[in-house]
Amino acid sequence: MDVWQVIWNTIISEFSEITDLAQIIRIILRFLLAAILGGLLGYDREVKGKAAGLRTHMLVSFGAALFILVPQQSGASIADLTRVMQGLTAGVGFIGAGSIIMGSQQEDAKGVTTATGIWLTAAIGVAVGMGREATAILSTLFALGILSLIPKIERLFERRGRRF
């Protein structure tokens, strides 16, 4: 056997976890959907001038989907996947904590909505990675509704002299 045949066989065996076209399409669709849904939330934050914007949210959602998809492909059990999700949640918590800046008073906390948006974006990525695309899309729509409508409702109440 010549060297090139060994190299080629090694390359083929390294990419053998994807066995058919349907599996390749499924992986691409899940990664693409995770990135798009995260991007929708990130775009909303970026337009509002927040620190964590489009790229951050896309990467968080895509990364979360990847953290779920790889163990699934390896035959992980549901119990194993729940441990992956626990670790992912803790890791994303650190990212979110980095976006929160505390002032001298409790009312001065900045970035809490951004941190929770990152946390939710990871959950949406997990949903996509688990193959729960409809749940992920609905969650994204609800989140966009909250980010768009609640500030308007808050401003309405503030004009009337009430505060949440």
N, C-alpha and C. Protein backbone atom coordinates (compact mmCIF):
# COMPACT_ATOMS: atom_id res chain seq x y z
N MET A 1 0.86 -1.18 0.00
CA MET A 1 0.00 0.00 0.00
C MET A 1 0.90 1.24 0.00
N ASP A 2 0.60 2.15 -0.88
CA ASP A 2 1.46 3.33 -0.93
C ASP A 2 1.00 4.39 0.07
N VAL A 3 1.83 5.39 0.25
CA VAL A 3 1.60 6.43 1.25
C VAL A 3 0.30 7.20 0.98
N TRP A 4 0.04 7.49 -0.30
CA TRP A 4 -1.15 8.27 -0.63
C TRP A 4 -2.43 7.51 -0.31
N GLN A 5 -2.41 6.22 -0.49
CA GLN A 5 -3.58 5.40 -0.16
C GLN A 5 -3.81 5.41 1.35
N VAL A 6 -2.74 5.35 2.14
CA VAL A 6 -2.86 5.41 3.61
C VAL A 6 -3.44 6.77 4.02
N ILE A 7 -2.91 7.82 3.42
CA ILE A 7 -3.41 9.17 3.74
C ILE A 7 -4.89 9.27 3.39
N TRP A 8 -5.27 8.83 2.20
CA TRP A 8 -6.67 8.91 1.78
C TRP A 8 -7.57 8.09 2.70
N ASN A 9 -7.19 6.88 3.02
CA ASN A 9 -7.99 6.02 3.91
C ASN A 9 -8.14 6.64 5.30
N THR A 10 -7.08 7.30 5.77
CA THR A 10 -7.14 7.97 7.06
C THR A 10 -8.12 9.14 7.02
N ILE A 11 -8.07 9.91 5.95
CA ILE A 11 -8.99 11.04 5.80
C ILE A 11 -10.43 10.53 5.76
N ILE A 12 -10.68 9.51 4.99
CA ILE A 12 -12.03 8.95 4.88
C ILE A 12 -12.51 8.45 6.25
N SER A 13 -11.67 7.76 6.99
CA SER A 13 -12.09 7.24 8.29
C SER A 13 -12.34 8.35 9.30
N GLU A 14 -11.62 9.45 9.18
CA GLU A 14 -11.82 10.58 10.10
C GLU A 14 -13.15 11.27 9.88
N PHE A 15 -13.71 11.19 8.69
CA PHE A 15 -14.99 11.82 8.39
C PHE A 15 -16.12 10.80 8.27
N SER A 16 -15.93 9.64 8.84
CA SER A 16 -16.91 8.56 8.67
C SER A 16 -18.10 8.66 9.61
N GLU A 17 -18.13 9.64 10.54
CA GLU A 17 -19.28 9.72 11.44
C GLU A 17 -20.54 10.20 10.71
N ILE A 18 -20.37 10.82 9.57
CA ILE A 18 -21.52 11.23 8.75
C ILE A 18 -21.69 10.15 7.69
N THR A 19 -22.77 9.40 7.82
CA THR A 19 -22.90 8.20 7.00
C THR A 19 -23.70 8.40 5.72
N ASP A 20 -24.57 9.41 5.67
CA ASP A 20 -25.37 9.57 4.45
C ASP A 20 -25.73 11.04 4.23
N LEU A 21 -26.28 11.33 3.08
CA LEU A 21 -26.63 12.69 2.69
C LEU A 21 -27.69 13.28 3.62
N ALA A 22 -28.65 12.48 4.03
CA ALA A 22 -29.71 12.97 4.92
C ALA A 22 -29.11 13.48 6.24
N GLN A 23 -28.13 12.78 6.75
CA GLN A 23 -27.49 13.19 8.00
C GLN A 23 -26.72 14.50 7.80
N ILE A 24 -26.05 14.64 6.69
CA ILE A 24 -25.32 15.88 6.40
C ILE A 24 -26.29 17.05 6.32
N ILE A 25 -27.40 16.85 5.62
CA ILE A 25 -28.40 17.91 5.49
C ILE A 25 -28.99 18.27 6.85
N ARG A 26 -29.30 17.27 7.68
CA ARG A 26 -29.84 17.51 9.02
C ARG A 26 -28.88 18.35 9.85
N ILE A 27 -27.61 18.02 9.83
CA ILE A 27 -26.61 18.77 10.60
C ILE A 27 -26.52 20.21 10.10
N ILE A 28 -26.43 20.37 8.79
CA ILE A 28 -26.34 21.72 8.21
C ILE A 28 -27.57 22.55 8.57
N LEU A 29 -28.76 21.96 8.44
CA LEU A 29 -29.99 22.68 8.77
C LEU A 29 -30.03 23.09 10.24
N ARG A 30 -29.63 22.19 11.11
CA ARG A 30 -29.65 22.53 12.55
C ARG A 30 -28.66 23.64 12.87
N PHE A 31 -27.45 23.55 12.32
CA PHE A 31 -26.47 24.60 12.58
C PHE A 31 -26.93 25.94 12.00
N LEU A 32 -27.46 25.89 10.79
CA LEU A 32 -27.92 27.11 10.14
C LEU A 32 -29.09 27.74 10.90
N LEU A 33 -30.05 26.91 11.30
CA LEU A 33 -31.20 27.43 12.05
C LEU A 33 -30.77 28.00 13.40
N ALA A 34 -29.87 27.32 14.09
CA ALA A 34 -29.38 27.82 15.37
C ALA A 34 -28.72 29.19 15.19
N ALA A 35 -27.89 29.30 14.17
CA ALA A 35 -27.21 30.58 13.92
C ALA A 35 -28.21 31.68 13.54
N ILE A 36 -29.19 31.34 12.72
CA ILE A 36 -30.18 32.34 12.31
C ILE A 36 -31.02 32.81 13.49
N LEU A 37 -31.52 31.87 14.29
CA LEU A 37 -32.35 32.26 15.43
C LEU A 37 -31.55 33.07 16.45
N GLY A 38 -30.33 32.65 16.72
CA GLY A 38 -29.46 33.45 17.60
C GLY A 38 -29.20 34.81 16.99
N GLY A 39 -29.02 34.85 15.67
CA GLY A 39 -28.78 36.10 14.99
C GLY A 39 -29.96 37.07 15.07
N LEU A 40 -31.17 36.53 15.05
CA LEU A 40 -32.34 37.40 15.19
C LEU A 40 -32.34 38.11 16.54
N LEU A 41 -32.06 37.35 17.59
CA LEU A 41 -31.99 37.97 18.92
C LEU A 41 -30.80 38.92 19.02
N GLY A 42 -29.68 38.53 18.45
CA GLY A 42 -28.49 39.38 18.49
C GLY A 42 -28.67 40.65 17.69
N TYR A 43 -29.37 40.56 16.58
CA TYR A 43 -29.62 41.76 15.77
C TYR A 43 -30.45 42.76 16.55
N ASP A 44 -31.47 42.25 17.23
CA ASP A 44 -32.30 43.13 18.06
C ASP A 44 -31.45 43.86 19.10
N ARG A 45 -30.53 43.15 19.73
CA ARG A 45 -29.68 43.76 20.75
C ARG A 45 -28.69 44.73 20.12
N GLU A 46 -28.17 44.37 18.96
CA GLU A 46 -27.19 45.24 18.29
C GLU A 46 -27.82 46.55 17.83
N VAL A 47 -29.03 46.47 17.29
CA VAL A 47 -29.74 47.67 16.85
C VAL A 47 -29.95 48.62 18.03
N LYS A 48 -30.14 48.05 19.21
CA LYS A 48 -30.35 48.86 20.41
C LYS A 48 -29.04 49.29 21.07
N GLY A 49 -27.92 48.98 20.43
CA GLY A 49 -26.62 49.42 20.92
C GLY A 49 -26.10 48.66 22.13
N LYS A 50 -26.53 47.43 22.31
CA LYS A 50 -26.08 46.63 23.46
C LYS A 50 -24.77 45.93 23.14
N ALA A 51 -24.07 45.54 24.20
CA ALA A 51 -22.71 45.00 24.05
C ALA A 51 -22.68 43.67 23.27
N ALA A 52 -23.53 42.75 23.63
CA ALA A 52 -23.55 41.44 22.97
C ALA A 52 -24.56 41.51 21.84
N GLY A 53 -24.07 41.49 20.62
CA GLY A 53 -24.95 41.68 19.48
C GLY A 53 -25.06 40.46 18.60
N LEU A 54 -25.09 40.71 17.32
CA LEU A 54 -25.36 39.71 16.30
C LEU A 54 -24.40 38.51 16.38
N ARG A 55 -23.13 38.77 16.26
CA ARG A 55 -22.16 37.66 16.22
C ARG A 55 -22.15 36.87 17.52
N THR A 56 -22.22 37.56 18.64
CA THR A 56 -22.19 36.86 19.93
C THR A 56 -23.37 35.91 20.05
N HIS A 57 -24.55 36.39 19.76
CA HIS A 57 -25.74 35.55 19.89
C HIS A 57 -25.73 34.40 18.87
N MET A 58 -25.26 34.67 17.67
CA MET A 58 -25.17 33.60 16.67
C MET A 58 -24.21 32.50 17.15
N LEU A 59 -23.08 32.91 17.67
CA LEU A 59 -22.09 31.92 18.12
C LEU A 59 -22.57 31.15 19.35
N VAL A 60 -23.24 31.82 20.25
CA VAL A 60 -23.76 31.13 21.44
C VAL A 60 -24.78 30.07 21.03
N SER A 61 -25.71 30.43 20.16
CA SER A 61 -26.74 29.48 19.73
C SER A 61 -26.14 28.33 18.93
N PHE A 62 -25.26 28.66 18.01
CA PHE A 62 -24.59 27.64 17.21
C PHE A 62 -23.75 26.72 18.10
N GLY A 63 -23.02 27.30 19.04
CA GLY A 63 -22.19 26.51 19.96
C GLY A 63 -23.03 25.58 20.82
N ALA A 64 -24.16 26.06 21.30
CA ALA A 64 -25.03 25.22 22.10
C ALA A 64 -25.56 24.05 21.28
N ALA A 65 -25.94 24.32 20.04
CA ALA A 65 -26.41 23.23 19.16
C ALA A 65 -25.30 22.21 18.94
N LEU A 66 -24.08 22.68 18.76
CA LEU A 66 -22.95 21.78 18.57
C LEU A 66 -22.70 20.92 19.81
N PHE A 67 -22.79 21.54 20.99
CA PHE A 67 -22.60 20.79 22.24
C PHE A 67 -23.64 19.69 22.42
N ILE A 68 -24.81 19.85 21.83
CA ILE A 68 -25.85 18.83 21.90
C ILE A 68 -25.70 17.81 20.78
N LEU A 69 -25.41 18.29 19.59
CA LEU A 69 -25.38 17.41 18.42
C LEU A 69 -24.26 16.37 18.49
N VAL A 70 -23.09 16.77 18.94
CA VAL A 70 -21.96 15.84 18.98
C VAL A 70 -22.22 14.65 19.91
N PRO A 71 -22.67 14.88 21.16
CA PRO A 71 -22.98 13.71 21.99
C PRO A 71 -24.11 12.86 21.42
N GLN A 72 -25.10 13.51 20.80
CA GLN A 72 -26.18 12.74 20.16
C GLN A 72 -25.61 11.80 19.11
N GLN A 73 -24.71 12.32 18.27
CA GLN A 73 -24.12 11.50 17.22
C GLN A 73 -23.27 10.37 17.80
N SER A 74 -22.74 10.60 18.97
CA SER A 74 -21.90 9.57 19.61
C SER A 74 -22.72 8.54 20.36
N GLY A 75 -24.04 8.69 20.35
CA GLY A 75 -24.90 7.72 21.01
C GLY A 75 -25.12 7.99 22.48
N ALA A 76 -24.95 9.23 22.91
CA ALA A 76 -25.14 9.58 24.32
C ALA A 76 -26.59 9.32 24.73
N SER A 77 -26.74 8.91 25.97
CA SER A 77 -28.08 8.69 26.51
C SER A 77 -28.70 10.02 26.90
N ILE A 78 -29.98 9.99 27.22
CA ILE A 78 -30.67 11.20 27.68
C ILE A 78 -30.01 11.71 28.96
N ALA A 79 -29.62 10.82 29.84
CA ALA A 79 -28.95 11.23 31.09
C ALA A 79 -27.64 11.94 30.78
N ASP A 80 -26.90 11.43 29.81
CA ASP A 80 -25.65 12.09 29.41
C ASP A 80 -25.92 13.47 28.82
N LEU A 81 -26.96 13.57 28.01
CA LEU A 81 -27.30 14.86 27.41
C LEU A 81 -27.73 15.87 28.47
N THR A 82 -28.42 15.42 29.51
CA THR A 82 -28.80 16.37 30.57
C THR A 82 -27.56 16.89 31.29
N ARG A 83 -26.55 16.07 31.43
CA ARG A 83 -25.29 16.55 32.04
C ARG A 83 -24.59 17.55 31.12
N VAL A 84 -24.65 17.31 29.83
CA VAL A 84 -24.08 18.26 28.87
C VAL A 84 -24.82 19.59 29.00
N MET A 85 -26.15 19.53 29.09
CA MET A 85 -26.95 20.76 29.21
C MET A 85 -26.63 21.49 30.52
N GLN A 86 -26.41 20.76 31.59
CA GLN A 86 -26.05 21.40 32.86
C GLN A 86 -24.72 22.14 32.74
N GLY A 87 -23.75 21.50 32.13
CA GLY A 87 -22.46 22.14 31.93
C GLY A 87 -22.56 23.34 31.01
N LEU A 88 -23.36 23.21 29.97
CA LEU A 88 -23.56 24.30 29.03
C LEU A 88 -24.22 25.49 29.72
N THR A 89 -25.22 25.22 30.53
CA THR A 89 -25.90 26.29 31.26
C THR A 89 -24.94 27.03 32.18
N ALA A 90 -24.11 26.29 32.87
CA ALA A 90 -23.13 26.93 33.76
C ALA A 90 -22.13 27.76 32.96
N GLY A 91 -21.65 27.23 31.85
CA GLY A 91 -20.69 27.95 31.03
C GLY A 91 -21.27 29.23 30.45
N VAL A 92 -22.50 29.16 29.98
CA VAL A 92 -23.15 30.34 29.42
C VAL A 92 -23.41 31.35 30.54
N GLY A 93 -23.63 30.86 31.75
CA GLY A 93 -23.79 31.77 32.89
C GLY A 93 -22.57 32.64 33.09
N PHE A 94 -21.40 32.09 32.88
CA PHE A 94 -20.18 32.89 32.99
C PHE A 94 -20.10 33.95 31.90
N ILE A 95 -20.51 33.58 30.69
CA ILE A 95 -20.52 34.57 29.61
C ILE A 95 -21.49 35.69 29.97
N GLY A 96 -22.67 35.32 30.42
CA GLY A 96 -23.67 36.32 30.79
C GLY A 96 -23.20 37.20 31.93
N ALA A 97 -22.54 36.59 32.91
CA ALA A 97 -22.05 37.37 34.05
C ALA A 97 -21.05 38.42 33.59
N GLY A 98 -20.30 38.10 32.56
CA GLY A 98 -19.34 39.07 32.03
C GLY A 98 -19.99 40.27 31.38
N SER A 99 -21.26 40.14 31.02
CA SER A 99 -21.95 41.27 30.39
C SER A 99 -22.66 42.16 31.40
N ILE A 100 -22.66 41.76 32.66
CA ILE A 100 -23.35 42.54 33.70
C ILE A 100 -22.34 43.43 34.40
N ILE A 101 -22.65 44.69 34.46
CA ILE A 101 -21.81 45.65 35.18
C ILE A 101 -22.63 46.18 36.33
N MET A 102 -22.12 46.00 37.53
CA MET A 102 -22.85 46.45 38.71
C MET A 102 -22.42 47.85 39.09
N GLY A 103 -23.40 48.70 39.35
CA GLY A 103 -23.12 50.04 39.84
C GLY A 103 -23.07 50.03 41.36
N SER A 104 -23.04 51.22 41.92
CA SER A 104 -22.96 51.34 43.37
C SER A 104 -24.28 51.00 44.05
N GLN A 105 -25.38 51.10 43.33
CA GLN A 105 -26.69 50.78 43.90
C GLN A 105 -27.32 49.67 43.07
N GLN A 106 -28.27 48.98 43.66
CA GLN A 106 -28.91 47.86 42.98
C GLN A 106 -29.56 48.30 41.67
N GLU A 107 -30.12 49.49 41.62
CA GLU A 107 -30.77 49.96 40.40
C GLU A 107 -29.78 50.24 39.29
N ASP A 108 -28.49 50.28 39.61
CA ASP A 108 -27.48 50.63 38.62
C ASP A 108 -26.96 49.43 37.83
N ALA A 109 -27.52 48.25 38.05
CA ALA A 109 -27.06 47.07 37.33
C ALA A 109 -27.36 47.23 35.84
N LYS A 110 -26.35 47.05 35.02
CA LYS A 110 -26.48 47.17 33.57
C LYS A 110 -26.12 45.83 32.94
N GLY A 111 -26.83 45.46 31.90
CA GLY A 111 -26.49 44.26 31.15
C GLY A 111 -27.24 43.01 31.57
N VAL A 112 -28.18 43.13 32.50
CA VAL A 112 -28.91 41.95 32.95
C VAL A 112 -29.77 41.38 31.82
N THR A 113 -30.42 42.24 31.05
CA THR A 113 -31.22 41.77 29.93
C THR A 113 -30.33 41.12 28.87
N THR A 114 -29.17 41.69 28.64
CA THR A 114 -28.23 41.08 27.70
C THR A 114 -27.79 39.71 28.19
N ALA A 115 -27.50 39.59 29.47
CA ALA A 115 -27.08 38.31 30.04
C ALA A 115 -28.18 37.26 29.91
N THR A 116 -29.42 37.66 30.21
CA THR A 116 -30.51 36.69 30.09
C THR A 116 -30.79 36.37 28.62
N GLY A 117 -30.56 37.33 27.74
CA GLY A 117 -30.70 37.06 26.31
C GLY A 117 -29.68 36.04 25.82
N ILE A 118 -28.47 36.13 26.31
CA ILE A 118 -27.44 35.15 25.97
C ILE A 118 -27.83 33.77 26.50
N TRP A 119 -28.34 33.75 27.72
CA TRP A 119 -28.79 32.50 28.34
C TRP A 119 -29.91 31.87 27.52
N LEU A 120 -30.90 32.69 27.13
CA LEU A 120 -32.01 32.20 26.32
C LEU A 120 -31.53 31.75 24.94
N THR A 121 -30.59 32.47 24.38
CA THR A 121 -30.05 32.11 23.07
C THR A 121 -29.40 30.73 23.12
N ALA A 122 -28.71 30.44 24.22
CA ALA A 122 -28.11 29.10 24.38
C ALA A 122 -29.21 28.04 24.47
N ALA A 123 -30.28 28.34 25.18
CA ALA A 123 -31.39 27.39 25.29
C ALA A 123 -32.02 27.13 23.93
N ILE A 124 -32.13 28.17 23.13
CA ILE A 124 -32.67 28.01 21.77
C ILE A 124 -31.74 27.14 20.94
N GLY A 125 -30.44 27.34 21.08
CA GLY A 125 -29.47 26.48 20.39
C GLY A 125 -29.58 25.03 20.82
N VAL A 126 -29.81 24.81 22.12
CA VAL A 126 -30.02 23.44 22.62
C VAL A 126 -31.26 22.83 21.98
N ALA A 127 -32.34 23.60 21.92
CA ALA A 127 -33.57 23.09 21.31
C ALA A 127 -33.34 22.69 19.86
N VAL A 128 -32.62 23.52 19.13
CA VAL A 128 -32.32 23.18 17.73
C VAL A 128 -31.45 21.94 17.67
N GLY A 129 -30.42 21.88 18.50
CA GLY A 129 -29.53 20.71 18.52
C GLY A 129 -30.27 19.42 18.84
N MET A 130 -31.31 19.52 19.66
CA MET A 130 -32.11 18.34 20.02
C MET A 130 -33.13 17.98 18.94
N GLY A 131 -33.21 18.81 17.89
CA GLY A 131 -34.17 18.53 16.83
C GLY A 131 -35.55 19.08 17.12
N ARG A 132 -35.64 20.02 18.02
CA ARG A 132 -36.91 20.65 18.39
C ARG A 132 -37.01 22.04 17.74
N GLU A 133 -36.99 22.03 16.41
CA GLU A 133 -36.93 23.28 15.66
C GLU A 133 -38.14 24.16 15.89
N ALA A 134 -39.34 23.58 15.92
CA ALA A 134 -40.55 24.38 16.12
C ALA A 134 -40.52 25.07 17.48
N THR A 135 -40.09 24.36 18.51
CA THR A 135 -39.97 24.96 19.84
C THR A 135 -38.96 26.10 19.83
N ALA A 136 -37.86 25.90 19.13
CA ALA A 136 -36.83 26.94 19.06
C ALA A 136 -37.35 28.18 18.33
N ILE A 137 -38.07 27.99 17.26
CA ILE A 137 -38.62 29.13 16.50
C ILE A 137 -39.65 29.88 17.35
N LEU A 138 -40.56 29.14 17.99
CA LEU A 138 -41.55 29.80 18.85
C LEU A 138 -40.88 30.55 20.00
N SER A 139 -39.86 29.96 20.59
CA SER A 139 -39.14 30.62 21.69
C SER A 139 -38.50 31.91 21.20
N THR A 140 -37.93 31.88 20.02
CA THR A 140 -37.31 33.08 19.46
C THR A 140 -38.35 34.16 19.22
N LEU A 141 -39.50 33.78 18.69
CA LEU A 141 -40.56 34.75 18.45
C LEU A 141 -41.06 35.37 19.76
N PHE A 142 -41.23 34.53 20.79
CA PHE A 142 -41.63 35.06 22.09
C PHE A 142 -40.58 36.02 22.63
N ALA A 143 -39.32 35.64 22.52
CA ALA A 143 -38.24 36.51 23.03
C ALA A 143 -38.22 37.84 22.29
N LEU A 144 -38.37 37.80 20.98
CA LEU A 144 -38.40 39.04 20.20
C LEU A 144 -39.59 39.90 20.60
N GLY A 145 -40.72 39.26 20.87
CA GLY A 145 -41.89 39.98 21.35
C GLY A 145 -41.62 40.66 22.69
N ILE A 146 -40.99 39.95 23.59
CA ILE A 146 -40.66 40.52 24.90
C ILE A 146 -39.70 41.68 24.75
N LEU A 147 -38.66 41.50 23.94
CA LEU A 147 -37.67 42.56 23.76
C LEU A 147 -38.25 43.79 23.05
N SER A 148 -39.28 43.60 22.23
CA SER A 148 -39.85 44.71 21.49
C SER A 148 -41.03 45.37 22.21
N LEU A 149 -41.91 44.56 22.77
CA LEU A 149 -43.15 45.09 23.34
C LEU A 149 -43.01 45.61 24.77
N ILE A 150 -42.28 44.91 25.59
CA ILE A 150 -42.19 45.29 27.01
C ILE A 150 -41.60 46.69 27.19
N PRO A 151 -40.54 47.08 26.48
CA PRO A 151 -40.06 48.46 26.65
C PRO A 151 -41.13 49.51 26.32
N LYS A 152 -41.96 49.23 25.33
CA LYS A 152 -43.03 50.16 24.97
C LYS A 152 -44.07 50.25 26.09
N ILE A 153 -44.41 49.12 26.66
CA ILE A 153 -45.36 49.10 27.78
C ILE A 153 -44.76 49.81 28.99
N GLU A 154 -43.48 49.59 29.26
CA GLU A 154 -42.81 50.28 30.37
C GLU A 154 -42.85 51.79 30.18
N ARG A 155 -42.56 52.25 28.97
CA ARG A 155 -42.58 53.70 28.69
C ARG A 155 -43.98 54.27 28.87
N LEU A 156 -44.99 53.52 28.48
CA LEU A 156 -46.37 53.96 28.65
C LEU A 156 -46.69 54.16 30.13
N PHE A 157 -46.31 53.21 30.97
CA PHE A 157 -46.57 53.32 32.40
C PHE A 157 -45.72 54.41 33.04
N GLU A 158 -44.49 54.60 32.58
CA GLU A 158 -43.64 55.65 33.13
C GLU A 158 -44.22 57.03 32.83
N ARG A 159 -44.83 57.20 31.67
CA ARG A 159 -45.47 58.47 31.34
C ARG A 159 -46.65 58.76 32.26
N ARG A 160 -47.28 57.73 32.74
CA ARG A 160 -48.41 57.88 33.66
C ARG A 160 -47.96 57.95 35.11
N GLY A 161 -46.67 57.94 35.34
CA GLY A 161 -46.15 58.08 36.69
C GLY A 161 -46.00 56.79 37.47
N ARG A 162 -46.19 55.68 36.82
CA ARG A 162 -46.03 54.39 37.49
C ARG A 162 -44.74 53.75 36.99
N ARG A 163 -44.19 52.92 37.83
CA ARG A 163 -42.96 52.23 37.47
C ARG A 163 -43.09 50.76 37.88
N PHE A 164 -42.52 49.88 37.07
CA PHE A 164 -42.58 48.45 37.39
C PHE A 164 -41.64 48.09 38.49
